[in-house]
């Protein structure tokens, strides 16, 4: 099998992109991937986000998705003397040569899988809004709290990180700017329409629209597509 990795990002209306993504392929062919969504829009956040993504992806490729995420978490675990050091949400994936992908996440970054027919959202956001929905609160009321993260990278421990696994040939990692600003129906349409991984990544970040108040979040997408190797030999 071969793997195609595509990446796209788009700065929101804050003009300071706090998202980042990274991938790393280990010597044995295992691929670590990470998308980081910084909390807030400060120079410190946008500067640190690429470092967090790189650490998470590199460690994940050799030690697993959970280890990659928790390694990045150590970089933001201390709040600093002023208590305002950068924080983030994160999703980390490890894709093995056999096509299996393991996923770990904290906060409201997302991971989707596409099997050619069905688009599956494998992540459940760690937000107050999601908690309220599970508690039976009116979805319209709960939506008002979707931007309040319950568990962030700075506070991530084994017990608060969620994990899952998929064999879908296409795995899509996104910041919440994609999943919050594009409807599930629109996501499904874009995935069906764009079979080229790079075109899909660009389409997803471009589809996010401004909110009623004019705000648009940063949008970042990383696509990992597994394809069968072409055997050109003839008997």
Protein backbone atom coordinates (compact mmCIF):
# COMPACT_ATOMS: atom_id res chain seq x y z
CA UNK A 1 0.00 0.00 0.00
CA UNK A 2 1.02 3.60 -0.57
CA UNK A 3 -0.05 6.68 1.34
CA UNK A 4 -0.85 10.16 0.05
CA UNK A 5 -0.85 12.97 2.61
CA UNK A 6 -2.42 16.34 1.83
CA UNK A 7 -2.63 19.50 3.92
CA UNK A 8 -4.42 22.84 3.70
CA UNK A 9 -5.04 25.69 6.11
CA UNK A 10 -6.84 29.01 5.94
CA UNK A 11 -6.48 31.91 8.33
CA UNK A 12 -9.72 33.15 9.88
CA UNK A 13 -10.89 36.69 10.44
CA UNK A 14 -8.49 37.17 13.37
CA UNK A 15 -5.56 37.33 10.87
CA UNK A 16 -3.39 35.17 13.14
CA UNK A 17 -3.59 31.48 12.32
CA UNK A 18 -3.44 29.47 15.55
CA UNK A 19 -3.87 26.15 13.71
CA UNK A 20 -1.08 23.89 12.56
CA UNK A 21 -0.50 20.36 11.25
CA UNK A 22 2.42 18.01 10.76
CA UNK A 23 3.22 14.49 9.59
CA UNK A 24 6.22 12.23 10.05
CA UNK A 25 6.99 8.89 8.42
CA UNK A 26 9.10 6.52 10.51
CA UNK A 27 11.67 4.11 9.12
CA UNK A 28 9.19 1.23 9.25
CA UNK A 29 6.62 3.15 7.19
CA UNK A 30 4.34 4.11 10.07
CA UNK A 31 2.97 7.64 9.63
CA UNK A 32 2.26 9.99 12.53
CA UNK A 33 -0.05 12.92 11.83
CA UNK A 34 -1.35 15.73 14.01
CA UNK A 35 -3.63 18.76 13.80
CA UNK A 36 -3.35 21.40 16.50
CA UNK A 37 -5.95 24.11 17.15
CA UNK A 38 -4.54 26.79 19.42
CA UNK A 39 -6.83 28.35 22.01
CA UNK A 40 -7.10 32.07 21.33
CA UNK A 41 -5.21 34.22 18.85
CA UNK A 42 -1.97 35.49 20.30
CA UNK A 43 1.53 35.50 18.77
CA UNK A 44 2.61 32.95 21.37
CA UNK A 45 -0.15 30.56 20.35
CA UNK A 46 0.48 30.77 16.62
CA UNK A 47 4.23 30.36 17.19
CA UNK A 48 3.90 27.31 19.41
CA UNK A 49 1.21 25.48 17.40
CA UNK A 50 3.65 24.19 14.71
CA UNK A 51 6.00 22.94 17.45
CA UNK A 52 3.16 21.05 19.13
CA UNK A 53 2.13 19.48 15.82
CA UNK A 54 5.68 18.41 14.99
CA UNK A 55 6.29 16.84 18.41
CA UNK A 56 2.95 15.02 18.36
CA UNK A 57 3.47 13.61 14.85
CA UNK A 58 7.07 12.50 15.36
CA UNK A 59 6.47 10.78 18.68
CA UNK A 60 3.24 9.22 17.46
CA UNK A 61 4.98 7.57 14.50
CA UNK A 62 7.24 5.58 16.82
CA UNK A 63 5.35 5.43 20.13
CA UNK A 64 1.66 5.62 19.23
CA UNK A 65 -1.05 8.26 18.98
CA UNK A 66 -1.58 8.58 22.73
CA UNK A 67 2.13 9.03 23.41
CA UNK A 68 2.39 11.62 20.66
CA UNK A 69 -0.48 13.65 22.06
CA UNK A 70 0.77 13.47 25.64
CA UNK A 71 4.29 14.44 24.58
CA UNK A 72 2.94 17.60 22.99
CA UNK A 73 0.86 18.19 26.11
CA UNK A 74 4.03 18.43 28.19
CA UNK A 75 5.05 21.54 26.25
CA UNK A 76 1.97 23.43 27.43
CA UNK A 77 1.38 21.75 30.80
CA UNK A 78 2.87 24.65 32.78
CA UNK A 79 0.77 27.86 32.74
CA UNK A 80 3.83 30.07 33.18
CA UNK A 81 4.42 32.81 35.76
CA UNK A 82 1.53 34.86 34.43
CA UNK A 83 -0.82 31.92 34.03
CA UNK A 84 -1.42 32.68 30.37
CA UNK A 85 0.84 30.32 28.45
CA UNK A 86 -0.65 28.99 25.16
CA UNK A 87 -3.08 26.08 25.14
CA UNK A 88 -4.64 24.00 22.38
CA UNK A 89 -6.87 21.19 21.23
CA UNK A 90 -5.35 18.32 19.29
CA UNK A 91 -6.06 15.23 17.21
CA UNK A 92 -3.28 12.74 16.47
CA UNK A 93 -3.37 9.76 14.11
CA UNK A 94 -1.02 6.87 13.41
CA UNK A 95 -1.41 5.11 10.06
CA UNK A 96 0.19 1.68 9.75
CA UNK A 97 1.39 0.07 6.51
CA UNK A 98 -1.59 -2.33 6.55
CA UNK A 99 -4.01 0.61 6.36
CA UNK A 100 -5.13 0.65 10.01
CA UNK A 101 -5.24 4.09 11.63
CA UNK A 102 -5.38 4.74 15.37
CA UNK A 103 -6.59 8.12 16.61
CA UNK A 104 -6.26 10.04 19.88
CA UNK A 105 -7.76 13.43 20.60
CA UNK A 106 -8.42 16.03 23.25
CA UNK A 107 -10.60 19.11 22.92
CA UNK A 108 -12.60 19.83 19.78
CA UNK A 109 -10.38 18.81 16.87
CA UNK A 110 -11.96 16.09 14.73
CA UNK A 111 -11.20 12.95 12.76
CA UNK A 112 -13.36 11.54 9.97
CA UNK A 113 -13.11 8.36 7.94
CA UNK A 114 -14.31 7.82 4.37
CA UNK A 115 -14.73 4.30 3.01
CA UNK A 116 -15.95 5.35 -0.42
CA UNK A 117 -19.61 5.37 0.61
CA UNK A 118 -19.93 6.56 4.20
CA UNK A 119 -18.35 9.49 6.00
CA UNK A 120 -17.92 8.68 9.70
CA UNK A 121 -17.05 11.16 12.41
CA UNK A 122 -14.88 9.22 14.84
CA UNK A 123 -14.35 11.97 17.39
CA UNK A 124 -16.70 13.43 19.97
CA UNK A 125 -15.73 16.98 21.00
CA UNK A 126 -14.69 17.50 24.60
CA UNK A 127 -16.84 20.59 24.97
CA UNK A 128 -19.45 21.86 27.39
CA UNK A 129 -21.95 21.96 24.54
CA UNK A 130 -21.49 18.25 23.84
CA UNK A 131 -21.83 17.46 27.54
CA UNK A 132 -25.10 19.41 27.69
CA UNK A 133 -26.47 17.52 24.69
CA UNK A 134 -25.76 14.20 26.38
CA UNK A 135 -27.53 15.60 29.45
CA UNK A 136 -30.71 16.20 27.45
CA UNK A 137 -30.39 19.98 27.13
CA UNK A 138 -32.06 21.58 24.10
CA UNK A 139 -29.58 21.34 21.18
CA UNK A 140 -30.08 25.02 20.37
CA UNK A 141 -29.07 25.96 23.90
CA UNK A 142 -26.18 23.49 23.93
CA UNK A 143 -24.81 24.96 20.68
CA UNK A 144 -24.07 28.20 22.51
CA UNK A 145 -21.46 26.33 24.57
CA UNK A 146 -19.72 24.43 21.78
CA UNK A 147 -16.69 26.73 21.97
CA UNK A 148 -16.05 25.96 25.64
CA UNK A 149 -13.51 23.15 25.82
CA UNK A 150 -13.83 20.86 28.83
CA UNK A 151 -10.44 19.16 28.37
CA UNK A 152 -7.51 20.79 26.60
CA UNK A 153 -3.99 19.74 25.64
CA UNK A 154 -2.51 21.53 28.67
CA UNK A 155 -4.54 19.33 30.99
CA UNK A 156 -4.40 16.09 29.01
CA UNK A 157 -3.70 12.86 30.89
CA UNK A 158 -4.33 9.25 29.92
CA UNK A 159 -7.78 9.30 31.52
CA UNK A 160 -8.96 12.40 29.61
CA UNK A 161 -7.71 11.51 26.13
CA UNK A 162 -10.13 9.63 23.87
CA UNK A 163 -8.95 6.96 21.43
CA UNK A 164 -10.40 5.02 18.52
CA UNK A 165 -9.35 3.03 15.45
CA UNK A 166 -10.43 2.75 11.81
CA UNK A 167 -9.51 0.90 8.63
CA UNK A 168 -11.15 3.48 6.35
CA UNK A 169 -8.84 4.19 3.39
CA UNK A 170 -9.23 7.95 3.80
CA UNK A 171 -8.79 9.63 7.18
CA UNK A 172 -9.41 13.36 7.57
CA UNK A 173 -8.12 15.35 10.55
CA UNK A 174 -9.54 18.84 11.06
CA UNK A 175 -9.55 21.77 13.43
CA UNK A 176 -12.98 22.72 14.73
CA UNK A 177 -13.11 25.57 12.21
CA UNK A 178 -14.04 22.93 9.65
CA UNK A 179 -16.52 20.81 11.62
CA UNK A 180 -18.20 23.81 13.28
CA UNK A 181 -18.64 25.89 10.12
CA UNK A 182 -19.54 23.20 7.58
CA UNK A 183 -22.67 21.08 7.96
CA UNK A 184 -22.39 17.26 7.92
CA UNK A 185 -24.25 17.20 4.60
CA UNK A 186 -21.79 19.69 3.07
CA UNK A 187 -18.85 17.66 4.38
CA UNK A 188 -20.23 14.50 2.82
CA UNK A 189 -20.78 16.25 -0.52
CA UNK A 190 -17.23 17.61 -0.60
CA UNK A 191 -15.70 14.23 0.26
CA UNK A 192 -17.67 12.52 -2.49
CA UNK A 193 -16.83 15.22 -5.03
CA UNK A 194 -13.08 15.51 -4.44
CA UNK A 195 -11.28 12.20 -4.85
CA UNK A 196 -7.84 13.83 -4.99
CA UNK A 197 -6.58 14.26 -1.39
CA UNK A 198 -5.06 17.71 -1.97
CA UNK A 199 -8.17 19.00 -3.72
CA UNK A 200 -10.26 17.67 -0.85
CA UNK A 201 -8.09 19.36 1.79
CA UNK A 202 -8.34 22.69 -0.03
CA UNK A 203 -12.07 22.37 -0.57
CA UNK A 204 -12.76 21.65 3.10
CA UNK A 205 -10.87 24.69 4.40
CA UNK A 206 -12.37 26.93 1.71
CA UNK A 207 -15.95 25.88 2.44
CA UNK A 208 -16.08 27.37 5.94
CA UNK A 209 -18.25 30.48 5.96
CA UNK A 210 -18.45 33.51 8.22
CA UNK A 211 -20.77 33.41 11.22
CA UNK A 212 -23.65 35.85 11.62
CA UNK A 213 -21.39 38.25 13.50
CA UNK A 214 -18.76 38.13 10.75
CA UNK A 215 -16.34 35.87 12.62
CA UNK A 216 -14.67 32.96 10.84
CA UNK A 217 -12.34 30.58 12.64
CA UNK A 218 -9.04 29.27 11.29
CA UNK A 219 -9.61 26.10 9.27
CA UNK A 220 -7.08 23.30 8.87
CA UNK A 221 -7.38 19.89 7.24
CA UNK A 222 -4.93 17.01 6.90
CA UNK A 223 -5.93 14.10 4.66
CA UNK A 224 -4.27 10.66 4.83
CA UNK A 225 -5.29 8.48 1.89
CA UNK A 226 -4.29 4.82 1.68
CA UNK A 227 -4.06 3.44 -1.84
CA UNK A 228 -3.15 -0.06 -3.09
CA UNK A 229 0.30 -0.25 -4.61
CA UNK A 230 0.38 -0.62 -8.38
CA UNK A 231 2.02 -3.86 -9.46
CA UNK A 232 3.44 -3.34 -12.94
CA UNK A 233 4.94 -6.82 -13.28
CA UNK A 234 3.44 -9.27 -15.77
CA UNK A 235 3.51 -13.03 -15.69
